[in-house]
PDB file of N, CA and C in Angstrom:
ATOM      1  N   MET A   1     156.190 103.563  71.022  1.00  0.00           N
ATOM      2  CA  MET A   1     155.347 102.466  71.474  1.00  0.00           C
ATOM      3  C   MET A   1     155.746 102.032  72.882  1.00  0.00           C
ATOM      4  N   ALA A   2     157.045 102.011  73.155  1.00  0.00           N
ATOM      5  CA  ALA A   2     157.506 101.619  74.489  1.00  0.00           C
ATOM      6  C   ALA A   2     157.017 102.609  75.538  1.00  0.00           C
ATOM      7  N   ASP A   3     156.974 103.893  75.162  1.00  0.00           N
ATOM      8  CA  ASP A   3     156.483 104.913  76.089  1.00  0.00           C
ATOM      9  C   ASP A   3     155.007 104.702  76.405  1.00  0.00           C
ATOM     10  N   ALA A   4     154.231 104.308  75.398  1.00  0.00           N
ATOM     11  CA  ALA A   4     152.808 104.060  75.602  1.00  0.00           C
ATOM     12  C   ALA A   4     152.597 102.883  76.548  1.00  0.00           C
ATOM     13  N   ALA A   5     153.387 101.842  76.390  1.00  0.00           N
ATOM     14  CA  ALA A   5     153.284 100.669  77.271  1.00  0.00           C
ATOM     15  C   ALA A   5     153.652 101.048  78.703  1.00  0.00           C
ATOM     16  N   LYS A   6     154.689 101.853  78.844  1.00  0.00           N
ATOM     17  CA  LYS A   6     155.116 102.299  80.174  1.00  0.00           C
ATOM     18  C   LYS A   6     154.029 103.156  80.817  1.00  0.00           C
ATOM     19  N   GLU A   7     153.428 104.033  80.020  1.00  0.00           N
ATOM     20  CA  GLU A   7     152.346 104.886  80.532  1.00  0.00           C
ATOM     21  C   GLU A   7     151.149 104.044  80.970  1.00  0.00           C
ATOM     22  N   MET A   8     150.834 103.000  80.192  1.00  0.00           N
ATOM     23  CA  MET A   8     149.714 102.127  80.535  1.00  0.00           C
ATOM     24  C   MET A   8     149.988 101.405  81.850  1.00  0.00           C
ATOM     25  N   GLU A   9     151.219 100.915  82.021  1.00  0.00           N
ATOM     26  CA  GLU A   9     151.570 100.249  83.282  1.00  0.00           C
ATOM     27  C   GLU A   9     151.412 101.201  84.450  1.00  0.00           C
ATOM     28  N   THR A  10     151.809 102.447  84.261  1.00  0.00           N
ATOM     29  CA  THR A  10     151.682 103.453  85.316  1.00  0.00           C
ATOM     30  C   THR A  10     150.212 103.675  85.666  1.00  0.00           C
ATOM     31  N   LYS A  11     149.360 103.783  84.648  1.00  0.00           N
ATOM     32  CA  LYS A  11     147.932 103.986  84.897  1.00  0.00           C
ATOM     33  C   LYS A  11     147.319 102.791  85.609  1.00  0.00           C
ATOM     34  N   ILE A  12     147.697 101.595  85.189  1.00  0.00           N
ATOM     35  CA  ILE A  12     147.174 100.388  85.837  1.00  0.00           C
ATOM     36  C   ILE A  12     147.601 100.367  87.303  1.00  0.00           C
ATOM     37  N   GLY A  13     148.845 100.746  87.561  1.00  0.00           N
ATOM     38  CA  GLY A  13     149.355 100.760  88.927  1.00  0.00           C
ATOM     39  C   GLY A  13     148.651 101.756  89.823  1.00  0.00           C
ATOM     40  N   LYS A  14     148.044 102.792  89.211  1.00  0.00           N
ATOM     41  CA  LYS A  14     147.368 103.823  90.000  1.00  0.00           C
ATOM     42  C   LYS A  14     145.934 103.460  90.366  1.00  0.00           C
ATOM     43  N   ILE A  15     145.419 102.373  89.821  1.00  0.00           N
ATOM     44  CA  ILE A  15     144.051 101.984  90.149  1.00  0.00           C
ATOM     45  C   ILE A  15     143.980 101.714  91.645  1.00  0.00           C
ATOM     46  N   ARG A  16     143.063 102.378  92.276  1.00  0.00           N
ATOM     47  CA  ARG A  16     142.956 102.245  93.727  1.00  0.00           C
ATOM     48  C   ARG A  16     142.495 100.869  94.135  1.00  0.00           C
ATOM     49  N   ASN A  17     143.032 100.458  95.227  1.00  0.00           N
ATOM     50  CA  ASN A  17     142.691  99.170  95.801  1.00  0.00           C
ATOM     51  C   ASN A  17     141.478  99.378  96.698  1.00  0.00           C
ATOM     52  N   SER A  18     140.275  99.147  96.148  1.00  0.00           N
ATOM     53  CA  SER A  18     139.063  99.435  96.905  1.00  0.00           C
ATOM     54  C   SER A  18     138.913  98.527  98.118  1.00  0.00           C
ATOM     55  N   ALA A  19     139.429  97.335  98.043  1.00  0.00           N
ATOM     56  CA  ALA A  19     139.445  96.450  99.207  1.00  0.00           C
ATOM     57  C   ALA A  19     140.850  96.539  99.769  1.00  0.00           C
ATOM     58  N   ASP A  20     141.012  97.275 100.831  1.00  0.00           N
ATOM     59  CA  ASP A  20     142.346  97.507 101.386  1.00  0.00           C
ATOM     60  C   ASP A  20     142.827  96.251 102.098  1.00  0.00           C
ATOM     61  N   PHE A  21     143.679  95.511 101.405  1.00  0.00           N
ATOM     62  CA  PHE A  21     144.140  94.237 101.942  1.00  0.00           C
ATOM     63  C   PHE A  21     145.099  94.424 103.115  1.00  0.00           C
ATOM     64  N   ASN A  22     145.719  95.596 103.219  1.00  0.00           N
ATOM     65  CA  ASN A  22     146.566  95.846 104.380  1.00  0.00           C
ATOM     66  C   ASN A  22     145.711  95.944 105.642  1.00  0.00           C
ATOM     67  N   VAL A  23     144.559  96.591 105.516  1.00  0.00           N
ATOM     68  CA  VAL A  23     143.645  96.690 106.658  1.00  0.00           C
ATOM     69  C   VAL A  23     143.151  95.298 107.024  1.00  0.00           C
ATOM     70  N   ALA A  24     142.791  94.514 106.019  1.00  0.00           N
ATOM     71  CA  ALA A  24     142.349  93.140 106.291  1.00  0.00           C
ATOM     72  C   ALA A  24     143.446  92.378 107.003  1.00  0.00           C
ATOM     73  N   GLY A  25     144.672  92.553 106.554  1.00  0.00           N
ATOM     74  CA  GLY A  25     145.798  91.873 107.194  1.00  0.00           C
ATOM     75  C   GLY A  25     145.998  92.320 108.629  1.00  0.00           C
ATOM     76  N   ASP A  26     145.850  93.622 108.871  1.00  0.00           N
ATOM     77  CA  ASP A  26     145.998  94.147 110.230  1.00  0.00           C
ATOM     78  C   ASP A  26     144.932  93.576 111.156  1.00  0.00           C
ATOM     79  N   ASN A  27     143.767  93.292 110.620  1.00  0.00           N
ATOM     80  CA  ASN A  27     142.660  92.802 111.431  1.00  0.00           C
ATOM     81  C   ASN A  27     142.714  91.298 111.685  1.00  0.00           C
ATOM     82  N   ILE A  28     143.578  90.601 111.017  1.00  0.00           N
ATOM     83  CA  ILE A  28     143.632  89.146 111.154  1.00  0.00           C
ATOM     84  C   ILE A  28     143.895  88.728 112.594  1.00  0.00           C
ATOM     85  N   VAL A  29     144.851  89.355 113.229  1.00  0.00           N
ATOM     86  CA  VAL A  29     145.165  89.000 114.624  1.00  0.00           C
ATOM     87  C   VAL A  29     143.964  89.283 115.516  1.00  0.00           C
ATOM     88  N   ASP A  30     143.307  90.422 115.295  1.00  0.00           N
ATOM     89  CA  ASP A  30     142.113  90.762 116.084  1.00  0.00           C
ATOM     90  C   ASP A  30     141.012  89.731 115.882  1.00  0.00           C
ATOM     91  N   ILE A  31     140.803  89.324 114.633  1.00  0.00           N
ATOM     92  CA  ILE A  31     139.769  88.331 114.337  1.00  0.00           C
ATOM     93  C   ILE A  31     140.096  87.015 115.020  1.00  0.00           C
ATOM     94  N   ALA A  32     141.354  86.604 114.945  1.00  0.00           N
ATOM     95  CA  ALA A  32     141.766  85.342 115.563  1.00  0.00           C
ATOM     96  C   ALA A  32     141.555  85.389 117.076  1.00  0.00           C
ATOM     97  N   GLU A  33     141.990  86.477 117.699  1.00  0.00           N
ATOM     98  CA  GLU A  33     141.834  86.591 119.151  1.00  0.00           C
ATOM     99  C   GLU A  33     140.364  86.631 119.556  1.00  0.00           C
ATOM    100  N   PHE A  34     139.562  87.382 118.816  1.00  0.00           N
ATOM    101  CA  PHE A  34     138.136  87.454 119.112  1.00  0.00           C
ATOM    102  C   PHE A  34     137.491  86.076 118.999  1.00  0.00           C
ATOM    103  N   THR A  35     137.864  85.334 117.981  1.00  0.00           N
ATOM    104  CA  THR A  35     137.286  84.008 117.760  1.00  0.00           C
ATOM    105  C   THR A  35     137.592  83.076 118.929  1.00  0.00           C
ATOM    106  N   VAL A  36     138.820  83.121 119.407  1.00  0.00           N
ATOM    107  CA  VAL A  36     139.201  82.278 120.549  1.00  0.00           C
ATOM    108  C   VAL A  36     138.453  82.723 121.799  1.00  0.00           C
ATOM    109  N   GLU A  37     138.397  84.036 122.026  1.00  0.00           N
ATOM    110  CA  GLU A  37     137.690  84.547 123.207  1.00  0.00           C
ATOM    111  C   GLU A  37     136.208  84.193 123.158  1.00  0.00           C
ATOM    112  N   LYS A  38     135.604  84.304 121.996  1.00  0.00           N
ATOM    113  CA  LYS A  38     134.193  83.949 121.844  1.00  0.00           C
ATOM    114  C   LYS A  38     133.987  82.462 122.149  1.00  0.00           C
ATOM    115  N   TYR A  39     134.880  81.620 121.677  1.00  0.00           N
ATOM    116  CA  TYR A  39     134.792  80.183 121.951  1.00  0.00           C
ATOM    117  C   TYR A  39     134.854  79.937 123.454  1.00  0.00           C
ATOM    118  N   GLU A  40     135.819  80.591 124.110  1.00  0.00           N
ATOM    119  CA  GLU A  40     135.970  80.405 125.559  1.00  0.00           C
ATOM    120  C   GLU A  40     134.719  80.879 126.296  1.00  0.00           C
ATOM    121  N   PHE A  41     134.172  82.013 125.910  1.00  0.00           N
ATOM    122  CA  PHE A  41     132.975  82.547 126.554  1.00  0.00           C
ATOM    123  C   PHE A  41     131.781  81.618 126.357  1.00  0.00           C
ATOM    124  N   ARG A  42     131.543  81.203 125.111  1.00  0.00           N
ATOM    125  CA  ARG A  42     130.386  80.352 124.807  1.00  0.00           C
ATOM    126  C   ARG A  42     130.469  78.992 125.490  1.00  0.00           C
ATOM    127  N   ASN A  43     131.674  78.515 125.679  1.00  0.00           N
ATOM    128  CA  ASN A  43     131.849  77.189 126.256  1.00  0.00           C
ATOM    129  C   ASN A  43     132.225  77.221 127.734  1.00  0.00           C
ATOM    130  N   GLY A  44     132.274  78.412 128.314  1.00  0.00           N
ATOM    131  CA  GLY A  44     132.579  78.537 129.730  1.00  0.00           C
ATOM    132  C   GLY A  44     133.902  77.885 130.103  1.00  0.00           C
ATOM    133  N   THR A  45     134.891  78.076 129.274  1.00  0.00           N
ATOM    134  CA  THR A  45     136.186  77.436 129.493  1.00  0.00           C
ATOM    135  C   THR A  45     137.310  78.398 129.145  1.00  0.00           C
ATOM    136  N   THR A  46     138.486  78.070 129.603  1.00  0.00           N
ATOM    137  CA  THR A  46     139.683  78.813 129.233  1.00  0.00           C
ATOM    138  C   THR A  46     140.650  77.823 128.604  1.00  0.00           C
ATOM    139  N   LEU A  47     141.061  78.116 127.393  1.00  0.00           N
ATOM    140  CA  LEU A  47     142.007  77.229 126.717  1.00  0.00           C
ATOM    141  C   LEU A  47     143.376  77.334 127.367  1.00  0.00           C
ATOM    142  N   SER A  48     144.104  76.235 127.334  1.00  0.00           N
ATOM    143  CA  SER A  48     145.476  76.274 127.847  1.00  0.00           C
ATOM    144  C   SER A  48     146.293  77.201 126.953  1.00  0.00           C
ATOM    145  N   ALA A  49     147.388  77.689 127.476  1.00  0.00           N
ATOM    146  CA  ALA A  49     148.250  78.593 126.712  1.00  0.00           C
ATOM    147  C   ALA A  49     148.718  77.920 125.425  1.00  0.00           C
ATOM    148  N   GLU A  50     149.026  76.645 125.508  1.00  0.00           N
ATOM    149  CA  GLU A  50     149.498  75.904 124.327  1.00  0.00           C
ATOM    150  C   GLU A  50     148.400  75.788 123.261  1.00  0.00           C
ATOM    151  N   THR A  51     147.189  75.443 123.699  1.00  0.00           N
ATOM    152  CA  THR A  51     146.071  75.312 122.755  1.00  0.00           C
ATOM    153  C   THR A  51     145.718  76.669 122.157  1.00  0.00           C
ATOM    154  N   ARG A  52     145.701  77.682 122.994  1.00  0.00           N
ATOM    155  CA  ARG A  52     145.380  79.038 122.521  1.00  0.00           C
ATOM    156  C   ARG A  52     146.400  79.488 121.483  1.00  0.00           C
ATOM    157  N   GLU A  53     147.665  79.278 121.768  1.00  0.00           N
ATOM    158  CA  GLU A  53     148.738  79.676 120.846  1.00  0.00           C
ATOM    159  C   GLU A  53     148.609  78.936 119.510  1.00  0.00           C
ATOM    160  N   ARG A  54     148.351  77.637 119.583  1.00  0.00           N
ATOM    161  CA  ARG A  54     148.189  76.843 118.361  1.00  0.00           C
ATOM    162  C   ARG A  54     146.956  77.291 117.574  1.00  0.00           C
ATOM    163  N   ALA A  55     145.860  77.547 118.288  1.00  0.00           N
ATOM    164  CA  ALA A  55     144.632  78.001 117.622  1.00  0.00           C
ATOM    165  C   ALA A  55     144.860  79.341 116.928  1.00  0.00           C
ATOM    166  N   LEU A  56     145.496  80.276 117.625  1.00  0.00           N
ATOM    167  CA  LEU A  56     145.763  81.586 117.036  1.00  0.00           C
ATOM    168  C   LEU A  56     146.645  81.465 115.794  1.00  0.00           C
ATOM    169  N   ALA A  57     147.657  80.628 115.872  1.00  0.00           N
ATOM    170  CA  ALA A  57     148.558  80.445 114.729  1.00  0.00           C
ATOM    171  C   ALA A  57     147.825  79.847 113.537  1.00  0.00           C
ATOM    172  N   GLU A  58     147.015  78.829 113.782  1.00  0.00           N
ATOM    173  CA  GLU A  58     146.302  78.174 112.676  1.00  0.00           C
ATOM    174  C   GLU A  58     145.209  79.063 112.095  1.00  0.00           C
ATOM    175  N   ILE A  59     144.495  79.783 112.956  1.00  0.00           N
ATOM    176  CA  ILE A  59     143.471  80.707 112.463  1.00  0.00           C
ATOM    177  C   ILE A  59     144.133  81.795 111.620  1.00  0.00           C
ATOM    178  N   THR A  60     145.227  82.341 112.114  1.00  0.00           N
ATOM    179  CA  THR A  60     145.945  83.383 111.390  1.00  0.00           C
ATOM    180  C   THR A  60     146.389  82.884 110.018  1.00  0.00           C
ATOM    181  N   GLU A  61     146.901  81.679 109.956  1.00  0.00           N
ATOM    182  CA  GLU A  61     147.340  81.096 108.686  1.00  0.00           C
ATOM    183  C   GLU A  61     146.171  80.970 107.704  1.00  0.00           C
ATOM    184  N   VAL A  62     145.047  80.466 108.188  1.00  0.00           N
ATOM    185  CA  VAL A  62     143.868  80.311 107.326  1.00  0.00           C
ATOM    186  C   VAL A  62     143.384  81.667 106.821  1.00  0.00           C
ATOM    187  N   LEU A  63     143.365  82.657 107.684  1.00  0.00           N
ATOM    188  CA  LEU A  63     142.898  83.977 107.280  1.00  0.00           C
ATOM    189  C   LEU A  63     143.841  84.639 106.281  1.00  0.00           C
ATOM    190  N   TRP A  64     145.153  84.454 106.451  1.00  0.00           N
ATOM    191  CA  TRP A  64     146.103  84.991 105.473  1.00  0.00           C
ATOM    192  C   TRP A  64     145.920  84.322 104.118  1.00  0.00           C
ATOM    193  N   GLN A  65     145.593  83.045 104.123  1.00  0.00           N
ATOM    194  CA  GLN A  65     145.310  82.358 102.858  1.00  0.00           C
ATOM    195  C   GLN A  65     144.117  83.007 102.158  1.00  0.00           C
ATOM    196  N   ARG A  66     143.115  83.379 102.943  1.00  0.00           N
ATOM    197  CA  ARG A  66     141.938  84.052 102.375  1.00  0.00           C
ATOM    198  C   ARG A  66     142.315  85.408 101.768  1.00  0.00           C
ATOM    199  N   VAL A  67     143.168  86.147 102.457  1.00  0.00           N
ATOM    200  CA  VAL A  67     143.618  87.439 101.933  1.00  0.00           C
ATOM    201  C   VAL A  67     144.344  87.231 100.601  1.00  0.00           C
ATOM    202  N   GLU A  68     145.200  86.234 100.537  1.00  0.00           N
ATOM    203  CA  GLU A  68     145.914  85.946  99.294  1.00  0.00           C
ATOM    204  C   GLU A  68     144.945  85.549  98.182  1.00  0.00           C
ATOM    205  N   GLN A  69     143.923  84.782  98.515  1.00  0.00           N
ATOM    206  CA  GLN A  69     142.903  84.417  97.522  1.00  0.00           C
ATOM    207  C   GLN A  69     142.178  85.665  97.014  1.00  0.00           C
ATOM    208  N   LEU A  70     141.874  86.575  97.923  1.00  0.00           N
ATOM    209  CA  LEU A  70     141.213  87.824  97.538  1.00  0.00           C
ATOM    210  C   LEU A  70     142.100  88.659  96.621  1.00  0.00           C
ATOM    211  N   ARG A  71     143.383  88.725  96.931  1.00  0.00           N
ATOM    212  CA  ARG A  71     144.318  89.475  96.079  1.00  0.00           C
ATOM    213  C   ARG A  71     144.352  88.888  94.676  1.00  0.00           C
ATOM    214  N   ALA A  72     144.442  87.580  94.589  1.00  0.00           N
ATOM    215  CA  ALA A  72     144.476  86.921  93.282  1.00  0.00           C
ATOM    216  C   ALA A  72     143.178  87.164  92.524  1.00  0.00           C
ATOM    217  N   ARG A  73     142.061  87.072  93.231  1.00  0.00           N
ATOM    218  CA  ARG A  73     140.754  87.298  92.603  1.00  0.00           C
ATOM    219  C   ARG A  73     140.640  88.739  92.107  1.00  0.00           C
ATOM    220  N   ARG A  74     141.128  89.682  92.886  1.00  0.00           N
ATOM    221  CA  ARG A  74     141.107  91.093  92.492  1.00  0.00           C
ATOM    222  C   ARG A  74     141.893  91.284  91.200  1.00  0.00           C
ATOM    223  N   GLN A  75     143.056  90.664  91.110  1.00  0.00           N
ATOM    224  CA  GLN A  75     143.862  90.784  89.892  1.00  0.00           C
ATOM    225  C   GLN A  75     143.108  90.229  88.686  1.00  0.00           C
ATOM    226  N   GLN A  76     142.416  89.119  88.878  1.00  0.00           N
ATOM    227  CA  GLN A  76     141.649  88.522  87.788  1.00  0.00           C
ATOM    228  C   GLN A  76     140.494  89.428  87.369  1.00  0.00           C
ATOM    229  N   VAL A  77     139.819  90.016  88.342  1.00  0.00           N
ATOM    230  CA  VAL A  77     138.712  90.926  88.034  1.00  0.00           C
ATOM    231  C   VAL A  77     139.228  92.139  87.258  1.00  0.00           C
ATOM    232  N   LEU A  78     140.348  92.695  87.679  1.00  0.00           N
ATOM    233  CA  LEU A  78     140.924  93.832  86.957  1.00  0.00           C
ATOM    234  C   LEU A  78     141.276  93.448  85.522  1.00  0.00           C
ATOM    235  N   ALA A  79     141.877  92.285  85.342  1.00  0.00           N
ATOM    236  CA  ALA A  79     142.221  91.825  83.994  1.00  0.00           C
ATOM    237  C   ALA A  79     140.962  91.672  83.150  1.00  0.00           C
ATOM    238  N   ASP A  80     139.914  91.110  83.730  1.00  0.00           N
ATOM    239  CA  ASP A  80     138.640  90.953  83.022  1.00  0.00           C
ATOM    240  C   ASP A  80     138.058  92.317  82.633  1.00  0.00           C
ATOM    241  N   MET A  81     138.167  93.285  83.526  1.00  0.00           N
ATOM    242  CA  MET A  81     137.652  94.622  83.245  1.00  0.00           C
ATOM    243  C   MET A  81     138.403  95.265  82.084  1.00  0.00           C
ATOM    244  N   PHE A  82     139.727  95.135  82.093  1.00  0.00           N
ATOM    245  CA  PHE A  82     140.509  95.708  80.997  1.00  0.00           C
ATOM    246  C   PHE A  82     140.187  95.008  79.678  1.00  0.00           C
ATOM    247  N   ASN A  83     140.008  93.703  79.712  1.00  0.00           N
ATOM    248  CA  ASN A  83     139.641  92.968  78.492  1.00  0.00           C
ATOM    249  C   ASN A  83     138.280  93.402  77.975  1.00  0.00           C
ATOM    250  N   ALA A  84     137.325  93.582  78.877  1.00  0.00           N
ATOM    251  CA  ALA A  84     135.985  94.027  78.477  1.00  0.00           C
ATOM    252  C   ALA A  84     136.035  95.435  77.899  1.00  0.00           C
ATOM    253  N   ALA A  85     136.815  96.298  78.509  1.00  0.00           N
ATOM    254  CA  ALA A  85     136.946  97.668  78.018  1.00  0.00           C
ATOM    255  C   ALA A  85     137.565  97.682  76.626  1.00  0.00           C
ATOM    256  N   GLU A  86     138.592  96.880  76.428  1.00  0.00           N
ATOM    257  CA  GLU A  86     139.246  96.821  75.120  1.00  0.00           C
ATOM    258  C   GLU A  86     138.310  96.248  74.061  1.00  0.00           C
ATOM    259  N   ALA A  87     137.577  95.202  74.394  1.00  0.00           N
ATOM    260  CA  ALA A  87     136.637  94.605  73.447  1.00  0.00           C
ATOM    261  C   ALA A  87     135.543  95.604  73.073  1.00  0.00           C
ATOM    262  N   THR A  88     135.052  96.345  74.043  1.00  0.00           N
ATOM    263  CA  THR A  88     134.018  97.342  73.788  1.00  0.00           C
ATOM    264  C   THR A  88     134.556  98.451  72.895  1.00  0.00           C
ATOM    265  N   LEU A  89     135.758  98.905  73.186  1.00  0.00           N
ATOM    266  CA  LEU A  89     136.376  99.933  72.351  1.00  0.00           C
ATOM    267  C   LEU A  89     136.526  99.436  70.916  1.00  0.00           C
ATOM    268  N   ASN A  90     136.991  98.214  70.757  1.00  0.00           N
ATOM    269  CA  ASN A  90     137.140  97.651  69.412  1.00  0.00           C
ATOM    270  C   ASN A  90     135.806  97.582  68.687  1.00  0.00           C
ATOM    271  N   ASP A  91     134.741  97.215  69.399  1.00  0.00           N
ATOM    272  CA  ASP A  91     133.409  97.184  68.806  1.00  0.00           C
ATOM    273  C   ASP A  91     132.977  98.576  68.343  1.00  0.00           C
ATOM    274  N   VAL A  92     133.189  99.563  69.177  1.00  0.00           N
ATOM    275  CA  VAL A  92     132.812 100.943  68.849  1.00  0.00           C
ATOM    276  C   VAL A  92     133.587 101.421  67.633  1.00  0.00           C
ATOM    277  N   VAL A  93     134.873 101.183  67.633  1.00  0.00           N
ATOM    278  CA  VAL A  93     135.728 101.644  66.533  1.00  0.00           C
ATOM    279  C   VAL A  93     135.355 100.925  65.236  1.00  0.00           C
ATOM    280  N   SER A  94     135.086  99.638  65.305  1.00  0.00           N
ATOM    281  CA  SER A  94     134.746  98.902  64.083  1.00  0.00           C
ATOM    282  C   SER A  94     133.374  99.327  63.533  1.00  0.00           C
ATOM    283  N   GLN A  95     132.481  99.806  64.366  1.00  0.00           N
ATOM    284  CA  GLN A  95     131.165 100.278  63.918  1.00  0.00           C
ATOM    285  C   GLN A  95     131.264 101.628  63.228  1.00  0.00           C
ATOM    286  N   ARG A  96     132.304 102.387  63.534  1.00  0.00           N
ATOM    287  CA  ARG A  96     132.491 103.720  62.935  1.00  0.00           C
ATOM    288  C   ARG A  96     133.002 103.627  61.514  1.00  0.00           C
ATOM    289  N   LYS A  97     133.609 102.531  61.159  1.00  0.00           N
ATOM    290  CA  LYS A  97     134.234 102.395  59.836  1.00  0.00           C
ATOM    291  C   LYS A  97     133.237 102.177  58.753  1.00  0.00           C
TER     292      LYS A  97
END
């Protein structure tokens, strides 16, 4: 039984991460910089180094929070999928009896 549980954990661990959160994380700095540059362009202004640095830091923090929310949501969706699969299997098996 312990071997079966270990095998199941291995299979769960192999499920591909369709939303690559590492890529999202890599893009956070780019998104933050683009957002600041777009603001400067639209408003015909250049932010001071201090304001720009603070804006980039705060935007980056907010975006990382979103990535963490997505990771948590993904885990919940996977758990829901496994529960649905197990319930369906139980229904099928109980109908065969």
